[in-house]
């Protein structure tokens, strides 16, 4: 599948989602054919944050949340740390990270979609966040210098990339020695059929481009990371998956060697 074709479809979807959230509508990009419960709640993107976490955030930041986990809660962020969110969307995880790292820390958000960046800047202003910077760019070419951040987070975005090895190499590059990779993502346990892998709809819907669990860990290790692991947070049923293959939300951890382990 052509990488530019995939990126174009993702920009269209996420641009539309940003516009909907800006107009007080709940955004949705992830595939819903398998993942809505009896109440119509999307099981991938629904109920990821505690009420006390988001109660003081701008409503549009919450409505634009398209993740599959809560990496800010699981990443164990500390005051004074520098955090980078890959594919930051409307900014919910950046704003939550900014709170956790405090005024002596810094939270960056990186996104390629103009509408999402505009929404994120609006949410940043409404939240009064002074330790936040949003950057435009691709997660395969992070516009930050080497060894610049303590923690990389991401929320259901790396599966969208058509060159995940570049993403992992760039993440490794910008992390400080001892830095942490702590992302939520869609992961397969077992290999899905090629019909899913080759579907633009499934790829742009957060499913078709998801890595198989052991492949994910192997790619992180090849990029130089150590201690790579995946903690399953949700399991989904999909009508097109063969017996023995599961689609899950996973919290993916790894560490760049050096520095002090945390």
C-alpha atoms as a PDB file:
ATOM      1  CA  UNK A   1       0.000   0.000   0.000  1.00  0.00           C
ATOM      2  CA  UNK A   2       1.359   3.429  -0.992  1.00  0.00           C
ATOM      3  CA  UNK A   3       2.561   5.355   2.082  1.00  0.00           C
ATOM      4  CA  UNK A   4       1.320   8.720   0.821  1.00  0.00           C
ATOM      5  CA  UNK A   5      -2.101   7.261   0.107  1.00  0.00           C
ATOM      6  CA  UNK A   6      -2.290   6.023   3.686  1.00  0.00           C
ATOM      7  CA  UNK A   7      -1.140   9.375   5.096  1.00  0.00           C
ATOM      8  CA  UNK A   8      -3.650  11.248   2.982  1.00  0.00           C
ATOM      9  CA  UNK A   9      -6.501   9.077   4.257  1.00  0.00           C
ATOM     10  CA  UNK A  10      -5.344   9.492   7.863  1.00  0.00           C
ATOM     11  CA  UNK A  11      -5.140  13.285   7.487  1.00  0.00           C
ATOM     12  CA  UNK A  12      -8.672  13.366   6.098  1.00  0.00           C
ATOM     13  CA  UNK A  13     -10.046  11.231   8.922  1.00  0.00           C
ATOM     14  CA  UNK A  14      -8.282  13.041  11.723  1.00  0.00           C
ATOM     15  CA  UNK A  15      -8.949  16.459  10.230  1.00  0.00           C
ATOM     16  CA  UNK A  16     -12.652  15.630  10.185  1.00  0.00           C
ATOM     17  CA  UNK A  17     -12.435  14.306  13.739  1.00  0.00           C
ATOM     18  CA  UNK A  18     -10.791  17.543  14.904  1.00  0.00           C
ATOM     19  CA  UNK A  19     -13.488  19.633  13.259  1.00  0.00           C
ATOM     20  CA  UNK A  20     -16.211  17.534  14.869  1.00  0.00           C
ATOM     21  CA  UNK A  21     -14.621  17.811  18.319  1.00  0.00           C
ATOM     22  CA  UNK A  22     -14.192  21.567  17.910  1.00  0.00           C
ATOM     23  CA  UNK A  23     -17.951  21.748  17.333  1.00  0.00           C
ATOM     24  CA  UNK A  24     -18.714  19.726  20.478  1.00  0.00           C
ATOM     25  CA  UNK A  25     -19.104  16.371  18.781  1.00  0.00           C
ATOM     26  CA  UNK A  26     -17.463  13.144  19.937  1.00  0.00           C
ATOM     27  CA  UNK A  27     -14.717  12.266  17.449  1.00  0.00           C
ATOM     28  CA  UNK A  28     -14.111   8.754  16.122  1.00  0.00           C
ATOM     29  CA  UNK A  29     -11.402   7.381  13.846  1.00  0.00           C
ATOM     30  CA  UNK A  30     -10.838   3.839  15.030  1.00  0.00           C
ATOM     31  CA  UNK A  31     -12.749   1.008  13.400  1.00  0.00           C
ATOM     32  CA  UNK A  32     -16.094   0.364  15.087  1.00  0.00           C
ATOM     33  CA  UNK A  33     -17.186  -2.780  13.222  1.00  0.00           C
ATOM     34  CA  UNK A  34     -16.014  -5.002  16.059  1.00  0.00           C
ATOM     35  CA  UNK A  35     -15.694  -2.738  19.001  1.00  0.00           C
ATOM     36  CA  UNK A  36     -18.984  -1.202  20.110  1.00  0.00           C
ATOM     37  CA  UNK A  37     -20.680  -2.524  23.222  1.00  0.00           C
ATOM     38  CA  UNK A  38     -24.408  -2.907  23.773  1.00  0.00           C
ATOM     39  CA  UNK A  39     -24.721   0.755  24.718  1.00  0.00           C
ATOM     40  CA  UNK A  40     -22.966   1.855  21.525  1.00  0.00           C
ATOM     41  CA  UNK A  41     -19.793   2.874  23.387  1.00  0.00           C
ATOM     42  CA  UNK A  42     -16.631   2.360  21.356  1.00  0.00           C
ATOM     43  CA  UNK A  43     -14.649  -0.209  23.323  1.00  0.00           C
ATOM     44  CA  UNK A  44     -11.333   1.019  21.922  1.00  0.00           C
ATOM     45  CA  UNK A  45     -11.648   4.726  22.685  1.00  0.00           C
ATOM     46  CA  UNK A  46     -14.276   4.774  25.439  1.00  0.00           C
ATOM     47  CA  UNK A  47     -13.761   5.110  29.201  1.00  0.00           C
ATOM     48  CA  UNK A  48      -9.974   5.488  29.148  1.00  0.00           C
ATOM     49  CA  UNK A  49      -9.616   8.336  31.633  1.00  0.00           C
ATOM     50  CA  UNK A  50     -10.797   8.889  35.186  1.00  0.00           C
ATOM     51  CA  UNK A  51     -13.272  11.737  35.641  1.00  0.00           C
ATOM     52  CA  UNK A  52     -10.910  13.615  37.965  1.00  0.00           C
ATOM     53  CA  UNK A  53      -8.192  13.485  35.285  1.00  0.00           C
ATOM     54  CA  UNK A  54     -10.218  15.251  32.603  1.00  0.00           C
ATOM     55  CA  UNK A  55     -12.690  17.354  34.584  1.00  0.00           C
ATOM     56  CA  UNK A  56     -10.550  20.487  34.315  1.00  0.00           C
ATOM     57  CA  UNK A  57      -9.466  20.002  30.691  1.00  0.00           C
ATOM     58  CA  UNK A  58     -11.098  21.847  27.778  1.00  0.00           C
ATOM     59  CA  UNK A  59     -14.096  19.780  26.585  1.00  0.00           C
ATOM     60  CA  UNK A  60     -12.754  19.701  23.001  1.00  0.00           C
ATOM     61  CA  UNK A  61      -9.559  18.018  24.194  1.00  0.00           C
ATOM     62  CA  UNK A  62     -11.618  15.216  25.713  1.00  0.00           C
ATOM     63  CA  UNK A  63     -13.951  14.935  22.719  1.00  0.00           C
ATOM     64  CA  UNK A  64     -10.971  14.690  20.352  1.00  0.00           C
ATOM     65  CA  UNK A  65      -9.409  11.816  22.280  1.00  0.00           C
ATOM     66  CA  UNK A  66      -8.934   8.916  19.858  1.00  0.00           C
ATOM     67  CA  UNK A  67      -6.599   6.717  21.871  1.00  0.00           C
ATOM     68  CA  UNK A  68      -6.756   3.100  22.997  1.00  0.00           C
ATOM     69  CA  UNK A  69      -5.229   3.574  26.453  1.00  0.00           C
ATOM     70  CA  UNK A  70      -4.064   6.065  29.049  1.00  0.00           C
ATOM     71  CA  UNK A  71      -0.276   6.267  28.640  1.00  0.00           C
ATOM     72  CA  UNK A  72       0.073   9.276  30.933  1.00  0.00           C
ATOM     73  CA  UNK A  73      -1.194   7.229  33.867  1.00  0.00           C
ATOM     74  CA  UNK A  74       0.889   4.149  33.061  1.00  0.00           C
ATOM     75  CA  UNK A  75       4.136   5.923  32.148  1.00  0.00           C
ATOM     76  CA  UNK A  76       4.822   7.021  35.750  1.00  0.00           C
ATOM     77  CA  UNK A  77       5.840  10.557  34.826  1.00  0.00           C
ATOM     78  CA  UNK A  78       7.871  12.563  37.335  1.00  0.00           C
ATOM     79  CA  UNK A  79       8.188  16.303  38.038  1.00  0.00           C
ATOM     80  CA  UNK A  80      10.842  17.946  35.883  1.00  0.00           C
ATOM     81  CA  UNK A  81      10.783  15.363  33.093  1.00  0.00           C
ATOM     82  CA  UNK A  82      10.543  16.166  29.386  1.00  0.00           C
ATOM     83  CA  UNK A  83       7.789  14.202  27.605  1.00  0.00           C
ATOM     84  CA  UNK A  84       6.993  13.795  23.906  1.00  0.00           C
ATOM     85  CA  UNK A  85       3.626  12.547  22.649  1.00  0.00           C
ATOM     86  CA  UNK A  86       3.804  11.012  19.155  1.00  0.00           C
ATOM     87  CA  UNK A  87       0.596  11.796  17.271  1.00  0.00           C
ATOM     88  CA  UNK A  88      -0.787  14.140  19.914  1.00  0.00           C
ATOM     89  CA  UNK A  89      -4.111  14.961  18.230  1.00  0.00           C
ATOM     90  CA  UNK A  90      -6.220  17.406  20.226  1.00  0.00           C
ATOM     91  CA  UNK A  91      -3.674  17.381  23.031  1.00  0.00           C
ATOM     92  CA  UNK A  92      -5.352  15.466  25.859  1.00  0.00           C
ATOM     93  CA  UNK A  93      -2.299  13.360  26.746  1.00  0.00           C
ATOM     94  CA  UNK A  94       0.062  16.321  26.361  1.00  0.00           C
ATOM     95  CA  UNK A  95      -2.010  18.433  28.747  1.00  0.00           C
ATOM     96  CA  UNK A  96      -2.237  15.577  31.257  1.00  0.00           C
ATOM     97  CA  UNK A  97       1.526  15.007  30.957  1.00  0.00           C
ATOM     98  CA  UNK A  98       2.202  18.712  31.489  1.00  0.00           C
ATOM     99  CA  UNK A  99       0.372  18.511  34.803  1.00  0.00           C
ATOM    100  CA  UNK A 100       2.370  15.500  35.904  1.00  0.00           C
ATOM    101  CA  UNK A 101       5.810  16.891  35.035  1.00  0.00           C
ATOM    102  CA  UNK A 102       4.947  20.282  36.528  1.00  0.00           C
ATOM    103  CA  UNK A 103       6.391  23.735  35.847  1.00  0.00           C
ATOM    104  CA  UNK A 104       9.982  22.459  35.847  1.00  0.00           C
ATOM    105  CA  UNK A 105       9.123  19.875  33.181  1.00  0.00           C
ATOM    106  CA  UNK A 106       8.087  20.101  29.547  1.00  0.00           C
ATOM    107  CA  UNK A 107       5.496  18.362  27.371  1.00  0.00           C
ATOM    108  CA  UNK A 108       5.766  18.248  23.572  1.00  0.00           C
ATOM    109  CA  UNK A 109       3.077  17.081  21.185  1.00  0.00           C
ATOM    110  CA  UNK A 110       3.855  16.072  17.592  1.00  0.00           C
ATOM    111  CA  UNK A 111       1.170  15.757  14.923  1.00  0.00           C
ATOM    112  CA  UNK A 112       0.955  15.972  11.127  1.00  0.00           C
ATOM    113  CA  UNK A 113      -2.671  17.131  10.835  1.00  0.00           C
ATOM    114  CA  UNK A 114      -3.245  20.895  10.669  1.00  0.00           C
ATOM    115  CA  UNK A 115      -6.766  20.722  12.082  1.00  0.00           C
ATOM    116  CA  UNK A 116      -5.620  18.707  15.091  1.00  0.00           C
ATOM    117  CA  UNK A 117      -2.719  21.078  15.726  1.00  0.00           C
ATOM    118  CA  UNK A 118      -5.043  24.078  15.600  1.00  0.00           C
ATOM    119  CA  UNK A 119      -7.407  22.377  18.043  1.00  0.00           C
ATOM    120  CA  UNK A 120      -4.506  21.432  20.319  1.00  0.00           C
ATOM    121  CA  UNK A 121      -3.252  25.033  20.407  1.00  0.00           C
ATOM    122  CA  UNK A 122      -6.756  26.208  21.306  1.00  0.00           C
ATOM    123  CA  UNK A 123      -6.978  23.624  24.076  1.00  0.00           C
ATOM    124  CA  UNK A 124      -3.531  24.596  25.352  1.00  0.00           C
ATOM    125  CA  UNK A 125      -4.617  28.239  25.602  1.00  0.00           C
ATOM    126  CA  UNK A 126      -7.882  27.351  27.342  1.00  0.00           C
ATOM    127  CA  UNK A 127      -6.019  25.124  29.815  1.00  0.00           C
ATOM    128  CA  UNK A 128      -3.447  27.849  30.515  1.00  0.00           C
ATOM    129  CA  UNK A 129      -0.612  25.375  29.982  1.00  0.00           C
ATOM    130  CA  UNK A 130       2.734  27.184  29.916  1.00  0.00           C
ATOM    131  CA  UNK A 131       5.015  24.136  29.704  1.00  0.00           C
ATOM    132  CA  UNK A 132       3.549  22.746  26.457  1.00  0.00           C
ATOM    133  CA  UNK A 133       4.752  22.996  22.845  1.00  0.00           C
ATOM    134  CA  UNK A 134       3.010  21.470  19.839  1.00  0.00           C
ATOM    135  CA  UNK A 135       5.113  20.606  16.777  1.00  0.00           C
ATOM    136  CA  UNK A 136       4.078  19.818  13.212  1.00  0.00           C
ATOM    137  CA  UNK A 137       5.744  16.833  11.613  1.00  0.00           C
ATOM    138  CA  UNK A 138       5.820  13.098  11.042  1.00  0.00           C
ATOM    139  CA  UNK A 139       6.567  10.577  13.762  1.00  0.00           C
ATOM    140  CA  UNK A 140       9.075   8.994  11.343  1.00  0.00           C
ATOM    141  CA  UNK A 141      11.143  12.228  11.414  1.00  0.00           C
ATOM    142  CA  UNK A 142      10.815  13.825  14.851  1.00  0.00           C
ATOM    143  CA  UNK A 143      11.784  17.545  14.773  1.00  0.00           C
ATOM    144  CA  UNK A 144      13.775  17.458  18.029  1.00  0.00           C
ATOM    145  CA  UNK A 145      17.505  17.044  18.705  1.00  0.00           C
ATOM    146  CA  UNK A 146      19.221  13.895  19.891  1.00  0.00           C
ATOM    147  CA  UNK A 147      18.877  12.860  23.556  1.00  0.00           C
ATOM    148  CA  UNK A 148      16.299  15.552  24.274  1.00  0.00           C
ATOM    149  CA  UNK A 149      13.405  13.846  26.085  1.00  0.00           C
ATOM    150  CA  UNK A 150      13.007  11.600  29.117  1.00  0.00           C
ATOM    151  CA  UNK A 151       9.817   9.828  28.084  1.00  0.00           C
ATOM    152  CA  UNK A 152       8.022   9.115  24.808  1.00  0.00           C
ATOM    153  CA  UNK A 153       4.317   8.410  24.966  1.00  0.00           C
ATOM    154  CA  UNK A 154       1.779   7.763  22.214  1.00  0.00           C
ATOM    155  CA  UNK A 155      -1.840   6.698  22.125  1.00  0.00           C
ATOM    156  CA  UNK A 156      -3.032   4.425  19.309  1.00  0.00           C
ATOM    157  CA  UNK A 157      -0.889   6.162  16.666  1.00  0.00           C
ATOM    158  CA  UNK A 158       2.194   4.051  15.920  1.00  0.00           C
ATOM    159  CA  UNK A 159      -0.043   1.418  14.299  1.00  0.00           C
ATOM    160  CA  UNK A 160      -0.900   4.062  11.671  1.00  0.00           C
ATOM    161  CA  UNK A 161       2.708   4.488  10.513  1.00  0.00           C
ATOM    162  CA  UNK A 162       3.798   2.804   7.287  1.00  0.00           C
ATOM    163  CA  UNK A 163       7.432   2.703   8.490  1.00  0.00           C
ATOM    164  CA  UNK A 164       7.438   1.657  12.124  1.00  0.00           C
ATOM    165  CA  UNK A 165      11.167   0.893  12.137  1.00  0.00           C
ATOM    166  CA  UNK A 166      11.821   4.581  11.415  1.00  0.00           C
ATOM    167  CA  UNK A 167       9.470   5.534  14.244  1.00  0.00           C
ATOM    168  CA  UNK A 168      11.352   3.328  16.691  1.00  0.00           C
ATOM    169  CA  UNK A 169      14.741   4.575  15.448  1.00  0.00           C
ATOM    170  CA  UNK A 170      13.639   8.191  15.836  1.00  0.00           C
ATOM    171  CA  UNK A 171      12.202   7.514  19.282  1.00  0.00           C
ATOM    172  CA  UNK A 172      15.509   5.951  20.312  1.00  0.00           C
ATOM    173  CA  UNK A 173      17.434   8.926  18.912  1.00  0.00           C
ATOM    174  CA  UNK A 174      15.529  11.662  20.752  1.00  0.00           C
ATOM    175  CA  UNK A 175      15.388   9.835  24.084  1.00  0.00           C
ATOM    176  CA  UNK A 176      18.058  10.575  26.647  1.00  0.00           C
ATOM    177  CA  UNK A 177      20.161   7.633  27.860  1.00  0.00           C
ATOM    178  CA  UNK A 178      17.951   5.755  30.280  1.00  0.00           C
ATOM    179  CA  UNK A 179      14.854   7.315  28.704  1.00  0.00           C
ATOM    180  CA  UNK A 180      11.561   5.455  28.582  1.00  0.00           C
ATOM    181  CA  UNK A 181       9.308   4.416  25.702  1.00  0.00           C
ATOM    182  CA  UNK A 182       5.785   4.108  27.149  1.00  0.00           C
ATOM    183  CA  UNK A 183       2.993   3.962  24.582  1.00  0.00           C
ATOM    184  CA  UNK A 184      -0.511   2.583  24.213  1.00  0.00           C
ATOM    185  CA  UNK A 185      -1.195   0.887  20.898  1.00  0.00           C
ATOM    186  CA  UNK A 186      -3.306  -1.693  19.091  1.00  0.00           C
ATOM    187  CA  UNK A 187      -1.486  -5.030  18.901  1.00  0.00           C
ATOM    188  CA  UNK A 188      -2.294  -8.415  17.389  1.00  0.00           C
ATOM    189  CA  UNK A 189      -1.714 -11.713  19.158  1.00  0.00           C
ATOM    190  CA  UNK A 190      -1.349 -13.942  16.132  1.00  0.00           C
ATOM    191  CA  UNK A 191      -1.238 -12.755  12.528  1.00  0.00           C
ATOM    192  CA  UNK A 192      -4.407 -11.299  10.969  1.00  0.00           C
ATOM    193  CA  UNK A 193      -5.469 -12.197   7.409  1.00  0.00           C
ATOM    194  CA  UNK A 194      -4.058 -10.233   4.471  1.00  0.00           C
ATOM    195  CA  UNK A 195      -7.523  -8.847   3.758  1.00  0.00           C
ATOM    196  CA  UNK A 196      -7.125  -6.718   6.901  1.00  0.00           C
ATOM    197  CA  UNK A 197      -3.483  -5.901   6.199  1.00  0.00           C
ATOM    198  CA  UNK A 198      -4.318  -4.669   2.681  1.00  0.00           C
ATOM    199  CA  UNK A 199      -7.446  -2.671   3.542  1.00  0.00           C
ATOM    200  CA  UNK A 200      -6.955   1.111   3.558  1.00  0.00           C
ATOM    201  CA  UNK A 201     -10.099   1.374   5.661  1.00  0.00           C
ATOM    202  CA  UNK A 202      -8.683  -1.022   8.258  1.00  0.00           C
ATOM    203  CA  UNK A 203      -5.260   0.652   8.267  1.00  0.00           C
ATOM    204  CA  UNK A 204      -6.672   4.164   8.724  1.00  0.00           C
ATOM    205  CA  UNK A 205      -9.059   2.716  11.314  1.00  0.00           C
ATOM    206  CA  UNK A 206      -6.199   1.725  13.666  1.00  0.00           C
ATOM    207  CA  UNK A 207      -6.393  -2.014  12.898  1.00  0.00           C
ATOM    208  CA  UNK A 208      -4.769  -3.006   9.591  1.00  0.00           C
ATOM    209  CA  UNK A 209      -1.349  -1.590  10.445  1.00  0.00           C
ATOM    210  CA  UNK A 210      -1.109  -2.990  13.978  1.00  0.00           C
ATOM    211  CA  UNK A 211       1.964  -5.097  14.698  1.00  0.00           C
ATOM    212  CA  UNK A 212       1.902  -8.656  15.977  1.00  0.00           C
ATOM    213  CA  UNK A 213       2.974  -8.745  19.641  1.00  0.00           C
ATOM    214  CA  UNK A 214       6.328 -10.505  19.261  1.00  0.00           C
ATOM    215  CA  UNK A 215       7.122  -8.529  16.105  1.00  0.00           C
ATOM    216  CA  UNK A 216       6.569  -5.303  18.054  1.00  0.00           C
ATOM    217  CA  UNK A 217       9.025  -6.381  20.750  1.00  0.00           C
ATOM    218  CA  UNK A 218      11.564  -7.597  18.165  1.00  0.00           C
ATOM    219  CA  UNK A 219      11.474  -4.282  16.289  1.00  0.00           C
ATOM    220  CA  UNK A 220      11.997  -2.275  19.482  1.00  0.00           C
ATOM    221  CA  UNK A 221      14.948  -4.503  20.361  1.00  0.00           C
ATOM    222  CA  UNK A 222      16.426  -4.097  16.872  1.00  0.00           C
ATOM    223  CA  UNK A 223      16.198  -0.316  17.294  1.00  0.00           C
ATOM    224  CA  UNK A 224      18.391  -0.573  20.410  1.00  0.00           C
ATOM    225  CA  UNK A 225      15.812  -0.659  23.196  1.00  0.00           C
ATOM    226  CA  UNK A 226      16.020  -3.016  26.145  1.00  0.00           C
ATOM    227  CA  UNK A 227      13.410  -4.487  28.496  1.00  0.00           C
ATOM    228  CA  UNK A 228      10.660  -4.327  25.865  1.00  0.00           C
ATOM    229  CA  UNK A 229       7.315  -5.706  27.020  1.00  0.00           C
ATOM    230  CA  UNK A 230       3.595  -5.428  26.276  1.00  0.00           C
ATOM    231  CA  UNK A 231       0.927  -5.337  28.981  1.00  0.00           C
ATOM    232  CA  UNK A 232      -2.534  -6.116  27.607  1.00  0.00           C
ATOM    233  CA  UNK A 233      -5.154  -3.614  28.785  1.00  0.00           C
ATOM    234  CA  UNK A 234      -8.185  -4.579  26.655  1.00  0.00           C
ATOM    235  CA  UNK A 235      -9.091  -7.495  24.383  1.00  0.00           C
ATOM    236  CA  UNK A 236     -11.450  -7.116  21.398  1.00  0.00           C
ATOM    237  CA  UNK A 237     -13.356  -9.480  19.181  1.00  0.00           C
ATOM    238  CA  UNK A 238     -13.208  -8.987  15.419  1.00  0.00           C
ATOM    239  CA  UNK A 239     -15.387 -10.975  13.004  1.00  0.00           C
ATOM    240  CA  UNK A 240     -12.620 -11.263  10.402  1.00  0.00           C
ATOM    241  CA  UNK A 241      -9.938 -12.645  12.716  1.00  0.00           C
ATOM    242  CA  UNK A 242      -9.196 -16.373  12.598  1.00  0.00           C
ATOM    243  CA  UNK A 243      -9.405 -18.554  15.697  1.00  0.00           C
ATOM    244  CA  UNK A 244      -6.338 -18.029  17.868  1.00  0.00           C
ATOM    245  CA  UNK A 245      -5.751 -14.433  16.763  1.00  0.00           C
ATOM    246  CA  UNK A 246      -6.752 -11.595  19.086  1.00  0.00           C
ATOM    247  CA  UNK A 247      -6.708  -7.823  18.724  1.00  0.00           C
ATOM    248  CA  UNK A 248      -5.768  -6.037  21.937  1.00  0.00           C
ATOM    249  CA  UNK A 249      -4.902  -2.665  23.355  1.00  0.00           C
ATOM    250  CA  UNK A 250      -1.472  -2.943  24.889  1.00  0.00           C
ATOM    251  CA  UNK A 251       0.770  -0.745  26.982  1.00  0.00           C
ATOM    252  CA  UNK A 252       4.217  -1.048  25.397  1.00  0.00           C
ATOM    253  CA  UNK A 253       7.260  -0.383  27.554  1.00  0.00           C
ATOM    254  CA  UNK A 254      10.949  -0.246  26.618  1.00  0.00           C
ATOM    255  CA  UNK A 255      14.058   1.619  27.740  1.00  0.00           C
ATOM    256  CA  UNK A 256      17.028   3.242  26.064  1.00  0.00           C
ATOM    257  CA  UNK A 257      20.230   1.899  27.696  1.00  0.00           C
ATOM    258  CA  UNK A 258      22.342   4.187  29.845  1.00  0.00           C
ATOM    259  CA  UNK A 259      21.591   6.766  32.489  1.00  0.00           C
ATOM    260  CA  UNK A 260      19.805   5.732  35.653  1.00  0.00           C
ATOM    261  CA  UNK A 261      17.062   3.147  35.482  1.00  0.00           C
ATOM    262  CA  UNK A 262      13.720   4.322  36.811  1.00  0.00           C
END
